């Protein structure tokens, strides 16, 4: 689909009103790029999650977890 008329440009000052507190929160939450080595170091710091540990974690309340049928049945 195309249009003969160009779209209006997005103007942050007009279209997205923010307070000084919003701007500060966004600055604090900003993701800073890092190297692949930094990312891998971060992942190593998380530690190893064994299958038993993952099974023990608390799940959201609601329906029971979905289980695939055993192919040998």
N, C-alpha and C. Protein backbone atom coordinates (compact mmCIF):
# COMPACT_ATOMS: atom_id res chain seq x y z
N UNK A 1 0.85 -1.16 0.00
CA UNK A 1 0.00 0.00 0.00
C UNK A 1 0.90 1.22 0.00
N UNK A 2 0.50 2.23 -0.74
CA UNK A 2 1.29 3.45 -0.77
C UNK A 2 0.36 4.65 -0.70
N UNK A 3 0.96 5.79 -0.46
CA UNK A 3 0.19 7.02 -0.33
C UNK A 3 0.90 8.11 -1.10
N UNK A 4 0.15 9.02 -1.68
CA UNK A 4 0.74 10.16 -2.39
C UNK A 4 1.20 11.23 -1.41
N UNK A 5 0.69 11.17 -0.21
CA UNK A 5 0.96 12.20 0.79
C UNK A 5 1.97 11.68 1.81
N UNK A 6 3.04 12.42 2.09
CA UNK A 6 4.01 11.95 3.08
C UNK A 6 3.43 11.99 4.50
N UNK A 7 3.89 11.09 5.33
CA UNK A 7 3.45 11.07 6.72
C UNK A 7 4.11 12.20 7.49
N UNK A 8 3.43 12.64 8.53
CA UNK A 8 4.05 13.63 9.42
C UNK A 8 5.23 12.97 10.13
N UNK A 9 6.24 13.76 10.39
CA UNK A 9 7.36 13.23 11.15
C UNK A 9 7.00 13.19 12.63
N UNK A 10 7.63 12.30 13.34
CA UNK A 10 7.39 12.13 14.76
C UNK A 10 8.21 13.17 15.51
N UNK A 11 7.57 14.00 16.27
CA UNK A 11 8.22 15.05 17.05
C UNK A 11 8.12 14.68 18.52
N UNK A 12 9.27 14.34 19.12
CA UNK A 12 9.26 13.89 20.52
C UNK A 12 8.67 14.95 21.45
N UNK A 13 9.01 16.19 21.25
CA UNK A 13 8.50 17.25 22.12
C UNK A 13 6.99 17.41 22.04
N UNK A 14 6.45 17.18 20.88
CA UNK A 14 5.00 17.34 20.68
C UNK A 14 4.25 16.05 20.92
N UNK A 15 4.79 14.93 20.46
CA UNK A 15 4.05 13.68 20.44
C UNK A 15 4.29 12.78 21.65
N UNK A 16 5.32 13.03 22.39
CA UNK A 16 5.61 12.19 23.55
C UNK A 16 6.00 13.10 24.71
N UNK A 17 5.01 13.47 25.47
CA UNK A 17 5.24 14.37 26.60
C UNK A 17 5.92 13.60 27.73
N UNK A 18 6.96 14.18 28.26
CA UNK A 18 7.67 13.55 29.37
C UNK A 18 7.93 14.60 30.45
N UNK A 19 8.07 14.11 31.66
CA UNK A 19 8.43 14.98 32.77
C UNK A 19 9.93 14.84 33.00
N UNK A 20 10.53 15.74 33.75
CA UNK A 20 11.94 15.57 34.08
C UNK A 20 12.21 14.23 34.79
N UNK A 21 11.27 13.77 35.61
CA UNK A 21 11.43 12.48 36.28
C UNK A 21 11.44 11.34 35.26
N UNK A 22 10.62 11.44 34.20
CA UNK A 22 10.61 10.43 33.13
C UNK A 22 11.96 10.37 32.44
N UNK A 23 12.50 11.54 32.13
CA UNK A 23 13.79 11.61 31.44
C UNK A 23 14.89 10.99 32.30
N UNK A 24 14.89 11.30 33.60
CA UNK A 24 15.90 10.74 34.50
C UNK A 24 15.77 9.22 34.60
N UNK A 25 14.54 8.71 34.70
CA UNK A 25 14.32 7.26 34.77
C UNK A 25 14.80 6.59 33.49
N UNK A 26 14.55 7.19 32.34
CA UNK A 26 15.01 6.62 31.07
C UNK A 26 16.54 6.62 30.99
N UNK A 27 17.17 7.67 31.49
CA UNK A 27 18.63 7.71 31.49
C UNK A 27 19.21 6.60 32.36
N UNK A 28 18.61 6.39 33.53
CA UNK A 28 19.11 5.35 34.43
C UNK A 28 18.89 3.95 33.86
N UNK A 29 17.80 3.77 33.11
CA UNK A 29 17.46 2.46 32.57
C UNK A 29 18.10 2.19 31.21
N UNK A 30 18.78 3.16 30.68
CA UNK A 30 19.36 3.02 29.34
C UNK A 30 20.33 1.85 29.29
N UNK A 31 20.18 1.06 28.26
CA UNK A 31 21.07 -0.08 28.07
C UNK A 31 22.30 0.41 27.33
N UNK A 32 23.42 0.13 27.92
CA UNK A 32 24.67 0.52 27.29
C UNK A 32 25.25 -0.69 26.59
N UNK A 33 25.70 -0.46 25.40
CA UNK A 33 26.28 -1.56 24.63
C UNK A 33 27.56 -2.06 25.26
N UNK A 34 27.80 -3.29 25.11
CA UNK A 34 29.02 -3.87 25.65
C UNK A 34 29.61 -4.82 24.64
N UNK A 35 30.74 -5.32 25.00
CA UNK A 35 31.41 -6.24 24.09
C UNK A 35 30.86 -7.64 24.28
N UNK A 36 31.18 -8.50 23.36
CA UNK A 36 30.79 -9.90 23.45
C UNK A 36 31.40 -10.54 24.68
N UNK A 37 32.64 -10.16 25.00
CA UNK A 37 33.31 -10.72 26.18
C UNK A 37 32.57 -10.33 27.45
N UNK A 38 32.11 -9.08 27.54
CA UNK A 38 31.36 -8.64 28.72
C UNK A 38 30.04 -9.41 28.85
N UNK A 39 29.40 -9.66 27.73
CA UNK A 39 28.14 -10.40 27.75
C UNK A 39 28.38 -11.85 28.20
N UNK A 40 29.41 -12.48 27.68
CA UNK A 40 29.72 -13.85 28.07
C UNK A 40 30.10 -13.93 29.55
N UNK A 41 30.83 -12.93 30.05
CA UNK A 41 31.18 -12.89 31.47
C UNK A 41 29.91 -12.78 32.31
N UNK A 42 28.98 -11.94 31.88
CA UNK A 42 27.71 -11.79 32.58
C UNK A 42 26.97 -13.13 32.64
N UNK A 43 26.93 -13.85 31.52
CA UNK A 43 26.25 -15.14 31.49
C UNK A 43 26.92 -16.14 32.43
N UNK A 44 28.26 -16.14 32.47
CA UNK A 44 28.97 -17.06 33.38
C UNK A 44 28.67 -16.74 34.83
N UNK A 45 28.48 -15.46 35.16
CA UNK A 45 28.17 -15.06 36.53
C UNK A 45 26.80 -15.55 36.98
N UNK A 46 25.92 -15.84 36.04
CA UNK A 46 24.59 -16.34 36.40
C UNK A 46 24.67 -17.74 36.99
N UNK A 47 25.70 -18.45 36.65
CA UNK A 47 25.87 -19.81 37.17
C UNK A 47 25.11 -20.82 36.33
N UNK A 48 25.39 -22.07 36.62
CA UNK A 48 24.78 -23.17 35.88
C UNK A 48 23.45 -23.55 36.51
N UNK A 49 22.42 -23.66 35.70
CA UNK A 49 21.11 -24.08 36.19
C UNK A 49 20.88 -25.52 35.75
N UNK A 50 20.96 -26.44 36.71
CA UNK A 50 20.75 -27.84 36.38
C UNK A 50 19.28 -28.09 36.09
N UNK A 51 18.99 -29.21 35.45
CA UNK A 51 17.60 -29.57 35.16
C UNK A 51 16.80 -29.68 36.44
N UNK A 52 17.40 -30.25 37.50
CA UNK A 52 16.70 -30.39 38.78
C UNK A 52 16.38 -29.02 39.37
N UNK A 53 17.32 -28.09 39.28
CA UNK A 53 17.09 -26.74 39.80
C UNK A 53 15.98 -26.04 39.03
N UNK A 54 15.96 -26.20 37.72
CA UNK A 54 14.91 -25.58 36.90
C UNK A 54 13.54 -26.18 37.22
N UNK A 55 13.49 -27.50 37.50
CA UNK A 55 12.22 -28.14 37.85
C UNK A 55 11.70 -27.65 39.19
N UNK A 56 12.60 -27.31 40.11
CA UNK A 56 12.21 -26.88 41.45
C UNK A 56 11.70 -25.45 41.51
N UNK A 57 11.98 -24.66 40.49
CA UNK A 57 11.60 -23.25 40.57
C UNK A 57 10.08 -23.10 40.59
N UNK A 58 9.63 -22.04 41.18
CA UNK A 58 8.20 -21.79 41.30
C UNK A 58 7.66 -21.32 39.96
N UNK A 59 6.52 -21.85 39.60
CA UNK A 59 5.88 -21.46 38.36
C UNK A 59 4.68 -20.56 38.67
N UNK A 60 4.22 -19.81 37.70
CA UNK A 60 3.02 -19.01 37.92
C UNK A 60 1.83 -19.92 38.25
N UNK A 61 0.93 -19.42 39.04
CA UNK A 61 -0.26 -20.21 39.37
C UNK A 61 -1.16 -20.30 38.15
N UNK A 62 -1.92 -21.35 38.08
CA UNK A 62 -2.82 -21.53 36.95
C UNK A 62 -2.81 -22.97 36.50
N UNK A 63 -2.92 -23.15 35.22
CA UNK A 63 -2.95 -24.49 34.66
C UNK A 63 -1.62 -25.21 34.90
N UNK A 64 -1.71 -26.52 34.92
CA UNK A 64 -0.50 -27.33 35.06
C UNK A 64 0.37 -27.13 33.82
N UNK A 65 1.69 -27.29 33.96
CA UNK A 65 2.57 -27.13 32.79
C UNK A 65 2.20 -28.11 31.68
N UNK A 66 2.34 -27.69 30.46
CA UNK A 66 2.06 -28.52 29.30
C UNK A 66 3.13 -29.61 29.21
N UNK A 67 2.72 -30.82 28.97
CA UNK A 67 3.66 -31.93 28.82
C UNK A 67 3.39 -32.64 27.50
N UNK A 68 4.43 -32.90 26.75
CA UNK A 68 4.30 -33.66 25.52
C UNK A 68 4.09 -35.13 25.85
N UNK A 69 3.27 -35.84 25.07
CA UNK A 69 3.09 -37.25 25.33
C UNK A 69 4.38 -38.02 25.04
N UNK A 70 4.58 -39.09 25.77
CA UNK A 70 5.76 -39.93 25.58
C UNK A 70 5.61 -40.65 24.25
N UNK A 71 6.57 -40.54 23.32
CA UNK A 71 6.44 -41.18 22.01
C UNK A 71 6.40 -42.70 22.07
N UNK A 72 6.85 -43.29 23.18
CA UNK A 72 6.84 -44.74 23.28
C UNK A 72 5.46 -45.29 23.64
N UNK A 73 4.51 -44.42 23.99
CA UNK A 73 3.14 -44.88 24.33
C UNK A 73 2.32 -45.17 23.10
